Amino acid sequence: MKECNQCGKCCIAYADGGLSATPEEIESWQVFEPGIARYVVDGQIWMDPATGQQLDHCPWLEVLPRESEASPARYGCRIYHHRPQDCRQYPVTVADMVRDGCEMIEAVDLQSPKGAQLRLDRLMAESRPPIS
């Protein structure tokens, strides 16, 4: 399994209504990050502040400068340190990665999905809540 190369596929795939935020995250944004809170309507995230309609893309996703003209597009998150848990915890399973075309997955991971899941779990350990 490779490190994340910032391909943006996960952000692009889920930013149009496929993500949620906890009430605690929303409350924190309202108090400390009102710019983020503007994009929350009735507990739903990434809504157009002007119309209240679901955006078709994440308002915080930005295209990063290319290292060269031949380099693939890379993406960054302007609210990385304040992003919702849904974003922090992705990907959860190797199946998620395969379904979404995640570029972290390698052919060897597909030959041993259980081993790949263990590697993924180790890689994501700091982003996920502890198992109780």
C-alpha atoms as a PDB file:
ATOM      1  CA  MET A   1       0.000   0.000   0.000  1.00  0.00           C
ATOM      2  CA  LYS A   2       1.338   3.388  -1.009  1.00  0.00           C
ATOM      3  CA  GLU A   3       1.182   6.617   0.926  1.00  0.00           C
ATOM      4  CA  CYS A   4      -1.588   8.978  -0.130  1.00  0.00           C
ATOM      5  CA  ASN A   5      -0.550  10.847  -3.277  1.00  0.00           C
ATOM      6  CA  GLN A   6      -3.324  13.451  -2.946  1.00  0.00           C
ATOM      7  CA  CYS A   7      -5.151  12.293  -6.071  1.00  0.00           C
ATOM      8  CA  GLY A   8      -8.374  13.783  -4.660  1.00  0.00           C
ATOM      9  CA  LYS A   9     -10.596  10.909  -5.772  1.00  0.00           C
ATOM     10  CA  CYS A  10     -12.090  10.429  -2.304  1.00  0.00           C
ATOM     11  CA  CYS A  11     -12.801  14.135  -1.863  1.00  0.00           C
ATOM     12  CA  ILE A  12     -14.349  14.378  -5.303  1.00  0.00           C
ATOM     13  CA  ALA A  13     -16.434  11.217  -4.879  1.00  0.00           C
ATOM     14  CA  TYR A  14     -18.021  12.093  -1.527  1.00  0.00           C
ATOM     15  CA  ALA A  15     -18.231  15.859  -1.337  1.00  0.00           C
ATOM     16  CA  ASP A  16     -21.665  16.122  -2.928  1.00  0.00           C
ATOM     17  CA  GLY A  17     -23.723  14.788  -0.039  1.00  0.00           C
ATOM     18  CA  GLY A  18     -21.798  11.638   0.800  1.00  0.00           C
ATOM     19  CA  LEU A  19     -20.225  13.106   3.920  1.00  0.00           C
ATOM     20  CA  SER A  20     -21.559  14.049   7.301  1.00  0.00           C
ATOM     21  CA  ALA A  21     -20.321  15.869  10.360  1.00  0.00           C
ATOM     22  CA  THR A  22     -21.135  15.190  13.974  1.00  0.00           C
ATOM     23  CA  PRO A  23     -23.196  17.687  15.942  1.00  0.00           C
ATOM     24  CA  GLU A  24     -20.047  18.352  17.988  1.00  0.00           C
ATOM     25  CA  GLU A  25     -18.036  19.180  14.859  1.00  0.00           C
ATOM     26  CA  ILE A  26     -20.754  21.509  13.624  1.00  0.00           C
ATOM     27  CA  GLU A  27     -20.990  23.223  17.015  1.00  0.00           C
ATOM     28  CA  SER A  28     -17.213  23.668  17.096  1.00  0.00           C
ATOM     29  CA  TRP A  29     -17.256  25.186  13.612  1.00  0.00           C
ATOM     30  CA  GLN A  30     -20.044  27.554  14.645  1.00  0.00           C
ATOM     31  CA  VAL A  31     -17.965  28.802  17.568  1.00  0.00           C
ATOM     32  CA  PHE A  32     -14.400  28.639  16.241  1.00  0.00           C
ATOM     33  CA  GLU A  33     -14.645  28.364  12.433  1.00  0.00           C
ATOM     34  CA  PRO A  34     -17.654  30.377  11.221  1.00  0.00           C
ATOM     35  CA  GLY A  35     -16.316  30.283   7.658  1.00  0.00           C
ATOM     36  CA  ILE A  36     -16.768  26.510   7.672  1.00  0.00           C
ATOM     37  CA  ALA A  37     -20.105  26.729   9.509  1.00  0.00           C
ATOM     38  CA  ARG A  38     -21.487  28.862   6.649  1.00  0.00           C
ATOM     39  CA  TYR A  39     -21.525  25.663   4.547  1.00  0.00           C
ATOM     40  CA  VAL A  40     -23.734  23.753   7.017  1.00  0.00           C
ATOM     41  CA  VAL A  41     -27.524  23.785   6.696  1.00  0.00           C
ATOM     42  CA  ASP A  42     -29.748  21.747   9.024  1.00  0.00           C
ATOM     43  CA  GLY A  43     -26.849  19.485   9.963  1.00  0.00           C
ATOM     44  CA  GLN A  44     -25.909  18.792   6.317  1.00  0.00           C
ATOM     45  CA  ILE A  45     -22.429  19.786   5.208  1.00  0.00           C
ATOM     46  CA  TRP A  46     -21.120  21.436   2.079  1.00  0.00           C
ATOM     47  CA  MET A  47     -24.262  23.331   1.280  1.00  0.00           C
ATOM     48  CA  ASP A  48     -24.243  26.542  -0.770  1.00  0.00           C
ATOM     49  CA  PRO A  49     -24.484  29.409   1.746  1.00  0.00           C
ATOM     50  CA  ALA A  50     -26.462  31.521  -0.751  1.00  0.00           C
ATOM     51  CA  THR A  51     -29.068  28.938  -1.806  1.00  0.00           C
ATOM     52  CA  GLY A  52     -28.974  26.254   0.896  1.00  0.00           C
ATOM     53  CA  GLN A  53     -28.596  23.621  -1.834  1.00  0.00           C
ATOM     54  CA  GLN A  54     -26.088  20.763  -1.755  1.00  0.00           C
ATOM     55  CA  LEU A  55     -22.863  21.671  -3.528  1.00  0.00           C
ATOM     56  CA  ASP A  56     -21.600  19.250  -6.160  1.00  0.00           C
ATOM     57  CA  HIS A  57     -18.035  19.583  -4.882  1.00  0.00           C
ATOM     58  CA  CYS A  58     -16.231  20.233  -1.629  1.00  0.00           C
ATOM     59  CA  PRO A  59     -15.755  23.972  -1.134  1.00  0.00           C
ATOM     60  CA  TRP A  60     -12.442  23.305   0.627  1.00  0.00           C
ATOM     61  CA  LEU A  61     -10.802  21.141  -2.037  1.00  0.00           C
ATOM     62  CA  GLU A  62      -8.093  22.952  -3.949  1.00  0.00           C
ATOM     63  CA  VAL A  63      -5.902  21.977  -6.856  1.00  0.00           C
ATOM     64  CA  LEU A  64      -2.252  22.156  -5.830  1.00  0.00           C
ATOM     65  CA  PRO A  65       0.481  23.426  -8.119  1.00  0.00           C
ATOM     66  CA  ARG A  66       1.904  20.714 -10.356  1.00  0.00           C
ATOM     67  CA  GLU A  67       5.515  19.709  -9.864  1.00  0.00           C
ATOM     68  CA  SER A  68       5.873  19.625 -13.648  1.00  0.00           C
ATOM     69  CA  GLU A  69       3.582  19.768 -16.668  1.00  0.00           C
ATOM     70  CA  ALA A  70       3.655  15.971 -16.846  1.00  0.00           C
ATOM     71  CA  SER A  71       2.728  15.531 -13.171  1.00  0.00           C
ATOM     72  CA  PRO A  72      -0.795  14.385 -12.355  1.00  0.00           C
ATOM     73  CA  ALA A  73      -3.159  16.779 -10.615  1.00  0.00           C
ATOM     74  CA  ARG A  74      -2.876  16.834  -6.830  1.00  0.00           C
ATOM     75  CA  TYR A  75      -5.390  18.190  -4.368  1.00  0.00           C
ATOM     76  CA  GLY A  76      -5.265  19.703  -0.912  1.00  0.00           C
ATOM     77  CA  CYS A  77      -7.778  20.548   1.767  1.00  0.00           C
ATOM     78  CA  ARG A  78      -8.020  24.135   2.966  1.00  0.00           C
ATOM     79  CA  ILE A  79      -9.619  22.982   6.245  1.00  0.00           C
ATOM     80  CA  TYR A  80      -7.409  19.930   6.750  1.00  0.00           C
ATOM     81  CA  HIS A  81      -7.019  20.439  10.512  1.00  0.00           C
ATOM     82  CA  HIS A  82     -10.747  21.128  10.932  1.00  0.00           C
ATOM     83  CA  ARG A  83     -12.141  18.586   8.456  1.00  0.00           C
ATOM     84  CA  PRO A  84     -14.955  16.260   9.567  1.00  0.00           C
ATOM     85  CA  GLN A  85     -14.318  12.801  10.989  1.00  0.00           C
ATOM     86  CA  ASP A  86     -15.736  11.261   7.806  1.00  0.00           C
ATOM     87  CA  CYS A  87     -12.764  12.758   5.959  1.00  0.00           C
ATOM     88  CA  ARG A  88     -10.238  11.922   8.684  1.00  0.00           C
ATOM     89  CA  GLN A  89     -11.215   8.260   8.771  1.00  0.00           C
ATOM     90  CA  TYR A  90     -11.338   7.549   5.037  1.00  0.00           C
ATOM     91  CA  PRO A  91     -10.492   4.994   3.719  1.00  0.00           C
ATOM     92  CA  VAL A  92     -11.998   2.539   6.180  1.00  0.00           C
ATOM     93  CA  THR A  93     -11.727  -0.639   4.130  1.00  0.00           C
ATOM     94  CA  VAL A  94      -9.744  -1.939   1.188  1.00  0.00           C
ATOM     95  CA  ALA A  95     -13.101  -2.465  -0.514  1.00  0.00           C
ATOM     96  CA  ASP A  96     -13.734   1.316  -0.181  1.00  0.00           C
ATOM     97  CA  MET A  97     -10.405   1.962  -1.853  1.00  0.00           C
ATOM     98  CA  VAL A  98     -11.091  -0.427  -4.732  1.00  0.00           C
ATOM     99  CA  ARG A  99     -14.602   0.949  -5.269  1.00  0.00           C
ATOM    100  CA  ASP A 100     -13.339   4.537  -5.315  1.00  0.00           C
ATOM    101  CA  GLY A 101     -10.247   3.941  -7.442  1.00  0.00           C
ATOM    102  CA  CYS A 102      -7.943   5.014  -4.612  1.00  0.00           C
ATOM    103  CA  GLU A 103      -4.388   5.313  -5.875  1.00  0.00           C
ATOM    104  CA  MET A 104      -2.927   4.091  -2.572  1.00  0.00           C
ATOM    105  CA  ILE A 105      -3.921   0.510  -3.414  1.00  0.00           C
ATOM    106  CA  GLU A 106      -1.424  -1.689  -5.216  1.00  0.00           C
ATOM    107  CA  ALA A 107      -1.794  -4.974  -7.089  1.00  0.00           C
ATOM    108  CA  VAL A 108      -0.179  -6.859  -4.205  1.00  0.00           C
ATOM    109  CA  ASP A 109      -2.904  -5.524  -1.902  1.00  0.00           C
ATOM    110  CA  LEU A 110      -5.544  -7.116  -4.090  1.00  0.00           C
ATOM    111  CA  GLN A 111      -3.775 -10.482  -3.879  1.00  0.00           C
ATOM    112  CA  SER A 112      -3.974 -10.396  -0.078  1.00  0.00           C
ATOM    113  CA  PRO A 113      -6.953  -8.284   0.978  1.00  0.00           C
ATOM    114  CA  LYS A 114      -6.703  -9.299   4.646  1.00  0.00           C
ATOM    115  CA  GLY A 115      -3.043  -8.279   4.789  1.00  0.00           C
ATOM    116  CA  ALA A 116      -3.864  -5.071   2.944  1.00  0.00           C
ATOM    117  CA  GLN A 117      -6.619  -4.312   5.464  1.00  0.00           C
ATOM    118  CA  LEU A 118      -4.133  -4.769   8.315  1.00  0.00           C
ATOM    119  CA  ARG A 119      -1.693  -2.378   6.604  1.00  0.00           C
ATOM    120  CA  LEU A 120      -4.487   0.115   6.042  1.00  0.00           C
ATOM    121  CA  ASP A 121      -5.582  -0.120   9.673  1.00  0.00           C
ATOM    122  CA  ARG A 122      -2.015   0.560  10.841  1.00  0.00           C
ATOM    123  CA  LEU A 123      -1.642   3.441   8.402  1.00  0.00           C
ATOM    124  CA  MET A 124      -4.900   5.038   9.529  1.00  0.00           C
ATOM    125  CA  ALA A 125      -4.581   4.279  13.273  1.00  0.00           C
ATOM    126  CA  GLU A 126      -3.979   7.903  14.230  1.00  0.00           C
ATOM    127  CA  SER A 127      -7.007   9.114  12.248  1.00  0.00           C
ATOM    128  CA  ARG A 128      -9.532   6.724  13.730  1.00  0.00           C
ATOM    129  CA  PRO A 129     -11.094   6.570  17.166  1.00  0.00           C
ATOM    130  CA  PRO A 130      -9.810   3.800  19.436  1.00  0.00           C
ATOM    131  CA  ILE A 131     -11.737   0.525  19.364  1.00  0.00           C
ATOM    132  CA  SER A 132     -13.533   0.044  22.672  1.00  0.00           C
END
